[in-house]
mmCIF file of all heavy atoms, coordinates in Angstrom:
data_MODEL
# 
_entry.id   MODEL 
# 
loop_
_atom_site.group_PDB 
_atom_site.id 
_atom_site.type_symbol 
_atom_site.label_atom_id 
_atom_site.label_alt_id 
_atom_site.label_comp_id 
_atom_site.label_asym_id 
_atom_site.label_entity_id 
_atom_site.label_seq_id 
_atom_site.pdbx_PDB_ins_code 
_atom_site.Cartn_x 
_atom_site.Cartn_y 
_atom_site.Cartn_z 
_atom_site.occupancy 
_atom_site.B_iso_or_equiv 
_atom_site.pdbx_formal_charge 
_atom_site.auth_seq_id 
_atom_site.auth_comp_id 
_atom_site.auth_asym_id 
_atom_site.auth_atom_id 
_atom_site.pdbx_PDB_model_num 
ATOM 1   N N   . VAL A 1 1  ? 0.869   -1.190 -0.034  1.00 0.00 ? 1  VAL A N   1 
ATOM 2   C CA  . VAL A 1 1  ? 0.021   0.001  0.000   1.00 0.00 ? 1  VAL A CA  1 
ATOM 3   C C   . VAL A 1 1  ? 0.904   1.214  0.013   1.00 0.00 ? 1  VAL A C   1 
ATOM 4   O O   . VAL A 1 1  ? 1.910   1.290  0.760   1.00 0.00 ? 1  VAL A O   1 
ATOM 5   C CB  . VAL A 1 1  ? -0.931  -0.010 1.211   1.00 0.00 ? 1  VAL A CB  1 
ATOM 6   C CG1 . VAL A 1 1  ? -1.786  1.300  1.206   1.00 0.00 ? 1  VAL A CG1 1 
ATOM 7   C CG2 . VAL A 1 1  ? -1.857  -1.222 1.209   1.00 0.00 ? 1  VAL A CG2 1 
ATOM 8   N N   . GLY A 1 2  ? 0.574   2.216  -0.863  1.00 0.00 ? 2  GLY A N   1 
ATOM 9   C CA  . GLY A 1 2  ? 1.425   3.408  -0.916  1.00 0.00 ? 2  GLY A CA  1 
ATOM 10  C C   . GLY A 1 2  ? 0.551   4.629  -1.150  1.00 0.00 ? 2  GLY A C   1 
ATOM 11  O O   . GLY A 1 2  ? -0.544  4.590  -1.760  1.00 0.00 ? 2  GLY A O   1 
ATOM 12  N N   . VAL A 1 3  ? 1.073   5.772  -0.727  1.00 0.00 ? 3  VAL A N   1 
ATOM 13  C CA  . VAL A 1 3  ? 0.448   7.070  -0.914  1.00 0.00 ? 3  VAL A CA  1 
ATOM 14  C C   . VAL A 1 3  ? 1.575   8.021  -1.314  1.00 0.00 ? 3  VAL A C   1 
ATOM 15  O O   . VAL A 1 3  ? 2.661   8.023  -0.685  1.00 0.00 ? 3  VAL A O   1 
ATOM 16  C CB  . VAL A 1 3  ? -0.227  7.572  0.365   1.00 0.00 ? 3  VAL A CB  1 
ATOM 17  C CG1 . VAL A 1 3  ? -0.768  8.944  0.160   1.00 0.00 ? 3  VAL A CG1 1 
ATOM 18  C CG2 . VAL A 1 3  ? -1.345  6.604  0.744   1.00 0.00 ? 3  VAL A CG2 1 
ATOM 19  N N   . SER A 1 4  ? 1.282   8.839  -2.320  1.00 0.00 ? 4  SER A N   1 
ATOM 20  C CA  . SER A 1 4  ? 2.221   9.864  -2.752  1.00 0.00 ? 4  SER A CA  1 
ATOM 21  C C   . SER A 1 4  ? 1.557   11.142 -3.121  1.00 0.00 ? 4  SER A C   1 
ATOM 22  O O   . SER A 1 4  ? 0.390   11.117 -3.586  1.00 0.00 ? 4  SER A O   1 
ATOM 23  C CB  . SER A 1 4  ? 3.086   9.343  -3.965  1.00 0.00 ? 4  SER A CB  1 
ATOM 24  O OG  . SER A 1 4  ? 2.196   9.183  -5.106  1.00 0.00 ? 4  SER A OG  1 
ATOM 25  N N   . MET A 1 5  ? 2.246   12.200 -2.899  1.00 0.00 ? 5  MET A N   1 
ATOM 26  C CA  . MET A 1 5  ? 1.647   13.529 -3.175  1.00 0.00 ? 5  MET A CA  1 
ATOM 27  C C   . MET A 1 5  ? 2.804   14.530 -3.428  1.00 0.00 ? 5  MET A C   1 
ATOM 28  O O   . MET A 1 5  ? 3.812   14.563 -2.685  1.00 0.00 ? 5  MET A O   1 
ATOM 29  C CB  . MET A 1 5  ? 0.868   14.050 -1.988  1.00 0.00 ? 5  MET A CB  1 
ATOM 30  C CG  . MET A 1 5  ? 0.339   15.509 -2.157  1.00 0.00 ? 5  MET A CG  1 
ATOM 31  S SD  . MET A 1 5  ? -0.566  16.116 -0.662  1.00 0.00 ? 5  MET A SD  1 
ATOM 32  C CE  . MET A 1 5  ? -2.090  15.191 -0.873  1.00 0.00 ? 5  MET A CE  1 
ATOM 33  N N   . PRO A 1 6  ? 2.704   15.399 -4.523  1.00 0.00 ? 6  PRO A N   1 
ATOM 34  C CA  . PRO A 1 6  ? 3.763   16.365 -4.733  1.00 0.00 ? 6  PRO A CA  1 
ATOM 35  C C   . PRO A 1 6  ? 3.735   17.418 -3.597  1.00 0.00 ? 6  PRO A C   1 
ATOM 36  O O   . PRO A 1 6  ? 2.684   17.704 -3.049  1.00 0.00 ? 6  PRO A O   1 
ATOM 37  C CB  . PRO A 1 6  ? 3.359   16.994 -6.049  1.00 0.00 ? 6  PRO A CB  1 
ATOM 38  C CG  . PRO A 1 6  ? 2.408   15.985 -6.703  1.00 0.00 ? 6  PRO A CG  1 
ATOM 39  C CD  . PRO A 1 6  ? 1.721   15.346 -5.605  1.00 0.00 ? 6  PRO A CD  1 
ATOM 40  N N   . ILE A 1 7  ? 4.942   17.896 -3.346  1.00 0.00 ? 7  ILE A N   1 
ATOM 41  C CA  . ILE A 1 7  ? 5.010   18.956 -2.298  1.00 0.00 ? 7  ILE A CA  1 
ATOM 42  C C   . ILE A 1 7  ? 5.018   20.325 -3.005  1.00 0.00 ? 7  ILE A C   1 
ATOM 43  O O   . ILE A 1 7  ? 5.973   20.647 -3.802  1.00 0.00 ? 7  ILE A O   1 
ATOM 44  C CB  . ILE A 1 7  ? 6.303   18.772 -1.528  1.00 0.00 ? 7  ILE A CB  1 
ATOM 45  C CG1 . ILE A 1 7  ? 6.312   17.422 -0.823  1.00 0.00 ? 7  ILE A CG1 1 
ATOM 46  C CG2 . ILE A 1 7  ? 6.488   19.880 -0.479  1.00 0.00 ? 7  ILE A CG2 1 
ATOM 47  C CD1 . ILE A 1 7  ? 7.622   17.124 -0.102  1.00 0.00 ? 7  ILE A CD1 1 
ATOM 48  N N   . PRO A 1 8  ? 4.015   21.118 -2.784  1.00 0.00 ? 8  PRO A N   1 
ATOM 49  C CA  . PRO A 1 8  ? 3.934   22.493 -3.456  1.00 0.00 ? 8  PRO A CA  1 
ATOM 50  C C   . PRO A 1 8  ? 4.860   23.444 -2.860  1.00 0.00 ? 8  PRO A C   1 
ATOM 51  O O   . PRO A 1 8  ? 4.466   24.425 -2.217  1.00 0.00 ? 8  PRO A O   1 
ATOM 52  C CB  . PRO A 1 8  ? 2.457   22.855 -3.284  1.00 0.00 ? 8  PRO A CB  1 
ATOM 53  C CG  . PRO A 1 8  ? 2.061   22.205 -1.998  1.00 0.00 ? 8  PRO A CG  1 
ATOM 54  C CD  . PRO A 1 8  ? 2.838   20.928 -1.930  1.00 0.00 ? 8  PRO A CD  1 
ATOM 55  N N   . LEU A 1 9  ? 6.177   23.201 -3.056  1.00 0.00 ? 9  LEU A N   1 
ATOM 56  C CA  . LEU A 1 9  ? 7.202   24.043 -2.428  1.00 0.00 ? 9  LEU A CA  1 
ATOM 57  C C   . LEU A 1 9  ? 7.479   25.276 -3.328  1.00 0.00 ? 9  LEU A C   1 
ATOM 58  O O   . LEU A 1 9  ? 7.567   26.365 -2.839  1.00 0.00 ? 9  LEU A O   1 
ATOM 59  C CB  . LEU A 1 9  ? 8.397   23.234 -2.136  1.00 0.00 ? 9  LEU A CB  1 
ATOM 60  C CG  . LEU A 1 9  ? 9.555   23.922 -1.447  1.00 0.00 ? 9  LEU A CG  1 
ATOM 61  C CD1 . LEU A 1 9  ? 9.068   24.440 -0.055  1.00 0.00 ? 9  LEU A CD1 1 
ATOM 62  C CD2 . LEU A 1 9  ? 10.727  23.035 -1.329  1.00 0.00 ? 9  LEU A CD2 1 
ATOM 63  N N   . PHE A 1 10 ? 7.677   24.984 -4.613  1.00 0.00 ? 10 PHE A N   1 
ATOM 64  C CA  . PHE A 1 10 ? 8.094   26.108 -5.539  1.00 0.00 ? 10 PHE A CA  1 
ATOM 65  C C   . PHE A 1 10 ? 6.928   26.468 -6.461  1.00 0.00 ? 10 PHE A C   1 
ATOM 66  O O   . PHE A 1 10 ? 6.604   27.687 -6.652  1.00 0.00 ? 10 PHE A O   1 
ATOM 67  C CB  . PHE A 1 10 ? 9.293   25.676 -6.374  1.00 0.00 ? 10 PHE A CB  1 
ATOM 68  C CG  . PHE A 1 10 ? 10.447  25.219 -5.539  1.00 0.00 ? 10 PHE A CG  1 
ATOM 69  C CD1 . PHE A 1 10 ? 10.819  23.902 -5.450  1.00 0.00 ? 10 PHE A CD1 1 
ATOM 70  C CD2 . PHE A 1 10 ? 11.165  26.202 -4.746  1.00 0.00 ? 10 PHE A CD2 1 
ATOM 71  C CE1 . PHE A 1 10 ? 11.910  23.505 -4.683  1.00 0.00 ? 10 PHE A CE1 1 
ATOM 72  C CE2 . PHE A 1 10 ? 12.211  25.759 -3.979  1.00 0.00 ? 10 PHE A CE2 1 
ATOM 73  C CZ  . PHE A 1 10 ? 12.590  24.426 -3.936  1.00 0.00 ? 10 PHE A CZ  1 
ATOM 74  N N   . ASN A 1 11 ? 6.284   25.466 -7.083  1.00 0.00 ? 11 ASN A N   1 
ATOM 75  C CA  . ASN A 1 11 ? 5.237   25.749 -8.047  1.00 0.00 ? 11 ASN A CA  1 
ATOM 76  C C   . ASN A 1 11 ? 3.923   25.556 -7.361  1.00 0.00 ? 11 ASN A C   1 
ATOM 77  O O   . ASN A 1 11 ? 3.474   24.473 -7.045  1.00 0.00 ? 11 ASN A O   1 
ATOM 78  C CB  . ASN A 1 11 ? 5.372   24.755 -9.235  1.00 0.00 ? 11 ASN A CB  1 
ATOM 79  C CG  . ASN A 1 11 ? 4.269   24.988 -10.247 1.00 0.00 ? 11 ASN A CG  1 
ATOM 80  O OD1 . ASN A 1 11 ? 3.492   25.920 -10.149 1.00 0.00 ? 11 ASN A OD1 1 
ATOM 81  N ND2 . ASN A 1 11 ? 4.247   24.152 -11.261 1.00 0.00 ? 11 ASN A ND2 1 
ATOM 82  N N   . ARG A 1 12 ? 3.232   26.631 -7.079  1.00 0.00 ? 12 ARG A N   1 
ATOM 83  C CA  . ARG A 1 12 ? 1.870   26.618 -6.489  1.00 0.00 ? 12 ARG A CA  1 
ATOM 84  C C   . ARG A 1 12 ? 0.832   27.231 -7.471  1.00 0.00 ? 12 ARG A C   1 
ATOM 85  O O   . ARG A 1 12 ? -0.131  27.789 -7.086  1.00 0.00 ? 12 ARG A O   1 
ATOM 86  C CB  . ARG A 1 12 ? 1.899   27.377 -5.170  1.00 0.00 ? 12 ARG A CB  1 
ATOM 87  C CG  . ARG A 1 12 ? 2.758   26.741 -4.115  1.00 0.00 ? 12 ARG A CG  1 
ATOM 88  C CD  . ARG A 1 12 ? 2.585   27.483 -2.804  1.00 0.00 ? 12 ARG A CD  1 
ATOM 89  N NE  . ARG A 1 12 ? 3.035   28.876 -2.847  1.00 0.00 ? 12 ARG A NE  1 
ATOM 90  C CZ  . ARG A 1 12 ? 4.304   29.282 -2.735  1.00 0.00 ? 12 ARG A CZ  1 
ATOM 91  N NH1 . ARG A 1 12 ? 5.304   28.351 -2.607  1.00 0.00 ? 12 ARG A NH1 1 
ATOM 92  N NH2 . ARG A 1 12 ? 4.612   30.566 -2.880  1.00 0.00 ? 12 ARG A NH2 1 
ATOM 93  N N   . ASN A 1 13 ? 1.218   27.173 -8.776  1.00 0.00 ? 13 ASN A N   1 
ATOM 94  C CA  . ASN A 1 13 ? 0.337   27.681 -9.866  1.00 0.00 ? 13 ASN A CA  1 
ATOM 95  C C   . ASN A 1 13 ? 0.075   29.122 -9.780  1.00 0.00 ? 13 ASN A C   1 
ATOM 96  O O   . ASN A 1 13 ? -0.938  29.680 -10.193 1.00 0.00 ? 13 ASN A O   1 
ATOM 97  C CB  . ASN A 1 13 ? -1.025  26.890 -9.853  1.00 0.00 ? 13 ASN A CB  1 
ATOM 98  C CG  . ASN A 1 13 ? -1.609  26.798 -11.246 1.00 0.00 ? 13 ASN A CG  1 
ATOM 99  O OD1 . ASN A 1 13 ? -0.942  26.740 -12.237 1.00 0.00 ? 13 ASN A OD1 1 
ATOM 100 N ND2 . ASN A 1 13 ? -2.967  26.875 -11.290 1.00 0.00 ? 13 ASN A ND2 1 
ATOM 101 N N   . GLN A 1 14 ? 1.090   29.917 -9.212  1.00 0.00 ? 14 GLN A N   1 
ATOM 102 C CA  . GLN A 1 14 ? 0.882   31.308 -9.006  1.00 0.00 ? 14 GLN A CA  1 
ATOM 103 C C   . GLN A 1 14 ? 0.672   32.082 -10.286 1.00 0.00 ? 14 GLN A C   1 
ATOM 104 O O   . GLN A 1 14 ? -0.244  32.927 -10.360 1.00 0.00 ? 14 GLN A O   1 
ATOM 105 C CB  . GLN A 1 14 ? 2.111   31.931 -8.223  1.00 0.00 ? 14 GLN A CB  1 
ATOM 106 C CG  . GLN A 1 14 ? 2.429   31.278 -6.949  1.00 0.00 ? 14 GLN A CG  1 
ATOM 107 C CD  . GLN A 1 14 ? 3.602   30.226 -7.149  1.00 0.00 ? 14 GLN A CD  1 
ATOM 108 O OE1 . GLN A 1 14 ? 3.510   29.423 -8.020  1.00 0.00 ? 14 GLN A OE1 1 
ATOM 109 N NE2 . GLN A 1 14 ? 4.568   30.258 -6.253  1.00 0.00 ? 14 GLN A NE2 1 
ATOM 110 N N   . GLY A 1 15 ? 1.439   31.699 -11.299 1.00 0.00 ? 15 GLY A N   1 
ATOM 111 C CA  . GLY A 1 15 ? 1.362   32.485 -12.562 1.00 0.00 ? 15 GLY A CA  1 
ATOM 112 C C   . GLY A 1 15 ? 0.007   32.269 -13.250 1.00 0.00 ? 15 GLY A C   1 
ATOM 113 O O   . GLY A 1 15 ? -0.591  33.220 -13.717 1.00 0.00 ? 15 GLY A O   1 
ATOM 114 N N   . ASN A 1 16 ? -0.468  31.053 -13.282 1.00 0.00 ? 16 ASN A N   1 
ATOM 115 C CA  . ASN A 1 16 ? -1.764  30.782 -13.912 1.00 0.00 ? 16 ASN A CA  1 
ATOM 116 C C   . ASN A 1 16 ? -2.935  31.472 -13.138 1.00 0.00 ? 16 ASN A C   1 
ATOM 117 O O   . ASN A 1 16 ? -3.899  31.929 -13.747 1.00 0.00 ? 16 ASN A O   1 
ATOM 118 C CB  . ASN A 1 16 ? -2.037  29.295 -14.042 1.00 0.00 ? 16 ASN A CB  1 
ATOM 119 C CG  . ASN A 1 16 ? -1.106  28.676 -15.067 1.00 0.00 ? 16 ASN A CG  1 
ATOM 120 O OD1 . ASN A 1 16 ? -0.707  29.298 -15.994 1.00 0.00 ? 16 ASN A OD1 1 
ATOM 121 N ND2 . ASN A 1 16 ? -0.826  27.375 -14.883 1.00 0.00 ? 16 ASN A ND2 1 
ATOM 122 N N   . VAL A 1 17 ? -2.857  31.461 -11.822 1.00 0.00 ? 17 VAL A N   1 
ATOM 123 C CA  . VAL A 1 17 ? -3.882  32.145 -11.028 1.00 0.00 ? 17 VAL A CA  1 
ATOM 124 C C   . VAL A 1 17 ? -3.870  33.617 -11.302 1.00 0.00 ? 17 VAL A C   1 
ATOM 125 O O   . VAL A 1 17 ? -4.941  34.247 -11.466 1.00 0.00 ? 17 VAL A O   1 
ATOM 126 C CB  . VAL A 1 17 ? -3.621  31.923 -9.524  1.00 0.00 ? 17 VAL A CB  1 
ATOM 127 C CG1 . VAL A 1 17 ? -4.533  32.775 -8.646  1.00 0.00 ? 17 VAL A CG1 1 
ATOM 128 C CG2 . VAL A 1 17 ? -3.885  30.422 -9.202  1.00 0.00 ? 17 VAL A CG2 1 
ATOM 129 N N   . LEU A 1 18 ? -2.689  34.278 -11.379 1.00 0.00 ? 18 LEU A N   1 
ATOM 130 C CA  . LEU A 1 18 ? -2.628  35.651 -11.690 1.00 0.00 ? 18 LEU A CA  1 
ATOM 131 C C   . LEU A 1 18 ? -3.194  35.988 -13.058 1.00 0.00 ? 18 LEU A C   1 
ATOM 132 O O   . LEU A 1 18 ? -3.948  36.929 -13.259 1.00 0.00 ? 18 LEU A O   1 
ATOM 133 C CB  . LEU A 1 18 ? -1.161  36.170 -11.582 1.00 0.00 ? 18 LEU A CB  1 
ATOM 134 C CG  . LEU A 1 18 ? -0.945  37.607 -11.959 1.00 0.00 ? 18 LEU A CG  1 
ATOM 135 C CD1 . LEU A 1 18 ? -1.701  38.554 -11.019 1.00 0.00 ? 18 LEU A CD1 1 
ATOM 136 C CD2 . LEU A 1 18 ? 0.567   37.931 -11.973 1.00 0.00 ? 18 LEU A CD2 1 
ATOM 137 N N   . ALA A 1 19 ? -2.819  35.121 -14.070 1.00 0.00 ? 19 ALA A N   1 
ATOM 138 C CA  . ALA A 1 19 ? -3.347  35.359 -15.421 1.00 0.00 ? 19 ALA A CA  1 
ATOM 139 C C   . ALA A 1 19 ? -4.839  35.186 -15.502 1.00 0.00 ? 19 ALA A C   1 
ATOM 140 O O   . ALA A 1 19 ? -5.545  36.036 -16.146 1.00 0.00 ? 19 ALA A O   1 
ATOM 141 C CB  . ALA A 1 19 ? -2.653  34.368 -16.391 1.00 0.00 ? 19 ALA A CB  1 
ATOM 142 N N   . ALA A 1 20 ? -5.350  34.219 -14.832 1.00 0.00 ? 20 ALA A N   1 
ATOM 143 C CA  . ALA A 1 20 ? -6.827  33.999 -14.811 1.00 0.00 ? 20 ALA A CA  1 
ATOM 144 C C   . ALA A 1 20 ? -7.540  35.163 -14.116 1.00 0.00 ? 20 ALA A C   1 
ATOM 145 O O   . ALA A 1 20 ? -8.621  35.581 -14.540 1.00 0.00 ? 20 ALA A O   1 
ATOM 146 C CB  . ALA A 1 20 ? -7.174  32.660 -14.134 1.00 0.00 ? 20 ALA A CB  1 
ATOM 147 N N   . SER A 1 21 ? -6.963  35.671 -13.041 1.00 0.00 ? 21 SER A N   1 
ATOM 148 C CA  . SER A 1 21 ? -7.561  36.803 -12.362 1.00 0.00 ? 21 SER A CA  1 
ATOM 149 C C   . SER A 1 21 ? -7.582  38.032 -13.232 1.00 0.00 ? 21 SER A C   1 
ATOM 150 O O   . SER A 1 21 ? -8.637  38.716 -13.271 1.00 0.00 ? 21 SER A O   1 
ATOM 151 C CB  . SER A 1 21 ? -6.755  37.106 -11.065 1.00 0.00 ? 21 SER A CB  1 
ATOM 152 O OG  . SER A 1 21 ? -7.278  38.208 -10.430 1.00 0.00 ? 21 SER A OG  1 
ATOM 153 N N   . ARG A 1 22 ? -6.524  38.305 -14.001 1.00 0.00 ? 22 ARG A N   1 
ATOM 154 C CA  . ARG A 1 22 ? -6.529  39.430 -14.834 1.00 0.00 ? 22 ARG A CA  1 
ATOM 155 C C   . ARG A 1 22 ? -7.486  39.279 -16.026 1.00 0.00 ? 22 ARG A C   1 
ATOM 156 O O   . ARG A 1 22 ? -8.054  40.196 -16.553 1.00 0.00 ? 22 ARG A O   1 
ATOM 157 C CB  . ARG A 1 22 ? -5.025  39.672 -15.335 1.00 0.00 ? 22 ARG A CB  1 
ATOM 158 C CG  . ARG A 1 22 ? -4.125  40.089 -14.185 1.00 0.00 ? 22 ARG A CG  1 
ATOM 159 C CD  . ARG A 1 22 ? -4.554  41.343 -13.563 1.00 0.00 ? 22 ARG A CD  1 
ATOM 160 N NE  . ARG A 1 22 ? -3.709  41.646 -12.377 1.00 0.00 ? 22 ARG A NE  1 
ATOM 161 C CZ  . ARG A 1 22 ? -4.026  41.354 -11.113 1.00 0.00 ? 22 ARG A CZ  1 
ATOM 162 N NH1 . ARG A 1 22 ? -5.175  40.753 -10.884 1.00 0.00 ? 22 ARG A NH1 1 
ATOM 163 N NH2 . ARG A 1 22 ? -3.240  41.687 -10.149 1.00 0.00 ? 22 ARG A NH2 1 
ATOM 164 N N   . ARG A 1 23 ? -7.618  38.051 -16.500 1.00 0.00 ? 23 ARG A N   1 
ATOM 165 C CA  . ARG A 1 23 ? -8.556  37.814 -17.591 1.00 0.00 ? 23 ARG A CA  1 
ATOM 166 C C   . ARG A 1 23 ? -9.992  38.017 -17.136 1.00 0.00 ? 23 ARG A C   1 
ATOM 167 O O   . ARG A 1 23 ? -10.817 38.546 -17.862 1.00 0.00 ? 23 ARG A O   1 
ATOM 168 C CB  . ARG A 1 23 ? -8.391  36.376 -18.146 1.00 0.00 ? 23 ARG A CB  1 
ATOM 169 C CG  . ARG A 1 23 ? -7.334  36.203 -19.161 1.00 0.00 ? 23 ARG A CG  1 
ATOM 170 C CD  . ARG A 1 23 ? -7.404  34.885 -19.886 1.00 0.00 ? 23 ARG A CD  1 
ATOM 171 N NE  . ARG A 1 23 ? -7.066  33.765 -18.989 1.00 0.00 ? 23 ARG A NE  1 
ATOM 172 C CZ  . ARG A 1 23 ? -5.907  33.258 -18.927 1.00 0.00 ? 23 ARG A CZ  1 
ATOM 173 N NH1 . ARG A 1 23 ? -4.865  33.762 -19.632 1.00 0.00 ? 23 ARG A NH1 1 
ATOM 174 N NH2 . ARG A 1 23 ? -5.606  32.240 -18.129 1.00 0.00 ? 23 ARG A NH2 1 
ATOM 175 N N   . ALA A 1 24 ? -10.276 37.696 -15.884 1.00 0.00 ? 24 ALA A N   1 
ATOM 176 C CA  . ALA A 1 24 ? -11.627 37.991 -15.336 1.00 0.00 ? 24 ALA A CA  1 
ATOM 177 C C   . ALA A 1 24 ? -11.859 39.478 -15.260 1.00 0.00 ? 24 ALA A C   1 
ATOM 178 O O   . ALA A 1 24 ? -12.979 40.008 -15.584 1.00 0.00 ? 24 ALA A O   1 
ATOM 179 C CB  . ALA A 1 24 ? -11.741 37.363 -13.991 1.00 0.00 ? 24 ALA A CB  1 
ATOM 180 N N   . ASP A 1 25 ? -10.820 40.244 -14.838 1.00 0.00 ? 25 ASP A N   1 
ATOM 181 C CA  . ASP A 1 25 ? -10.964 41.702 -14.760 1.00 0.00 ? 25 ASP A CA  1 
ATOM 182 C C   . ASP A 1 25 ? -11.101 42.238 -16.171 1.00 0.00 ? 25 ASP A C   1 
ATOM 183 O O   . ASP A 1 25 ? -11.916 43.192 -16.385 1.00 0.00 ? 25 ASP A O   1 
ATOM 184 C CB  . ASP A 1 25 ? -9.712  42.296 -14.117 1.00 0.00 ? 25 ASP A CB  1 
ATOM 185 C CG  . ASP A 1 25 ? -9.577  41.941 -12.639 1.00 0.00 ? 25 ASP A CG  1 
ATOM 186 O OD1 . ASP A 1 25 ? -10.640 41.537 -12.043 1.00 0.00 ? 25 ASP A OD1 1 
ATOM 187 O OD2 . ASP A 1 25 ? -8.427  41.932 -12.133 1.00 0.00 ? 25 ASP A OD2 1 
ATOM 188 N N   . GLN A 1 26 ? -10.373 41.674 -17.169 1.00 0.00 ? 26 GLN A N   1 
ATOM 189 C CA  . GLN A 1 26 ? -10.516 42.138 -18.482 1.00 0.00 ? 26 GLN A CA  1 
ATOM 190 C C   . GLN A 1 26 ? -11.943 41.867 -19.039 1.00 0.00 ? 26 GLN A C   1 
ATOM 191 O O   . GLN A 1 26 ? -12.463 42.715 -19.795 1.00 0.00 ? 26 GLN A O   1 
ATOM 192 C CB  . GLN A 1 26 ? -9.479  41.411 -19.362 1.00 0.00 ? 26 GLN A CB  1 
ATOM 193 C CG  . GLN A 1 26 ? -9.471  41.818 -20.867 1.00 0.00 ? 26 GLN A CG  1 
ATOM 194 C CD  . GLN A 1 26 ? -8.532  41.002 -21.657 1.00 0.00 ? 26 GLN A CD  1 
ATOM 195 O OE1 . GLN A 1 26 ? -8.582  39.738 -21.593 1.00 0.00 ? 26 GLN A OE1 1 
ATOM 196 N NE2 . GLN A 1 26 ? -7.724  41.616 -22.467 1.00 0.00 ? 26 GLN A NE2 1 
ATOM 197 N N   . ALA A 1 27 ? -12.514 40.774 -18.723 1.00 0.00 ? 27 ALA A N   1 
ATOM 198 C CA  . ALA A 1 27 ? -13.833 40.432 -19.148 1.00 0.00 ? 27 ALA A CA  1 
ATOM 199 C C   . ALA A 1 27 ? -14.815 41.485 -18.674 1.00 0.00 ? 27 ALA A C   1 
ATOM 200 O O   . ALA A 1 27 ? -15.797 41.830 -19.378 1.00 0.00 ? 27 ALA A O   1 
ATOM 201 C CB  . ALA A 1 27 ? -14.282 39.016 -18.733 1.00 0.00 ? 27 ALA A CB  1 
ATOM 202 N N   . ARG A 1 28 ? -14.694 41.946 -17.458 1.00 0.00 ? 28 ARG A N   1 
ATOM 203 C CA  . ARG A 1 28 ? -15.563 42.975 -16.925 1.00 0.00 ? 28 ARG A CA  1 
ATOM 204 C C   . ARG A 1 28 ? -15.473 44.271 -17.690 1.00 0.00 ? 28 ARG A C   1 
ATOM 205 O O   . ARG A 1 28 ? -16.475 44.885 -18.018 1.00 0.00 ? 28 ARG A O   1 
ATOM 206 C CB  . ARG A 1 28 ? -15.272 43.226 -15.421 1.00 0.00 ? 28 ARG A CB  1 
ATOM 207 C CG  . ARG A 1 28 ? -15.570 42.070 -14.501 1.00 0.00 ? 28 ARG A CG  1 
ATOM 208 C CD  . ARG A 1 28 ? -15.324 42.420 -13.048 1.00 0.00 ? 28 ARG A CD  1 
ATOM 209 N NE  . ARG A 1 28 ? -15.514 41.190 -12.239 1.00 0.00 ? 28 ARG A NE  1 
ATOM 210 C CZ  . ARG A 1 28 ? -14.591 40.332 -11.895 1.00 0.00 ? 28 ARG A CZ  1 
ATOM 211 N NH1 . ARG A 1 28 ? -13.321 40.599 -12.275 1.00 0.00 ? 28 ARG A NH1 1 
ATOM 212 N NH2 . ARG A 1 28 ? -14.845 39.365 -11.100 1.00 0.00 ? 28 ARG A NH2 1 
# 
């Protein structure tokens, strides 16, 4: 039996979150 999970140490999807947030503002 095994369990594995990536450790979000460096990549926490920050860039994609920022881009999606700005696209939502742009849509308004």
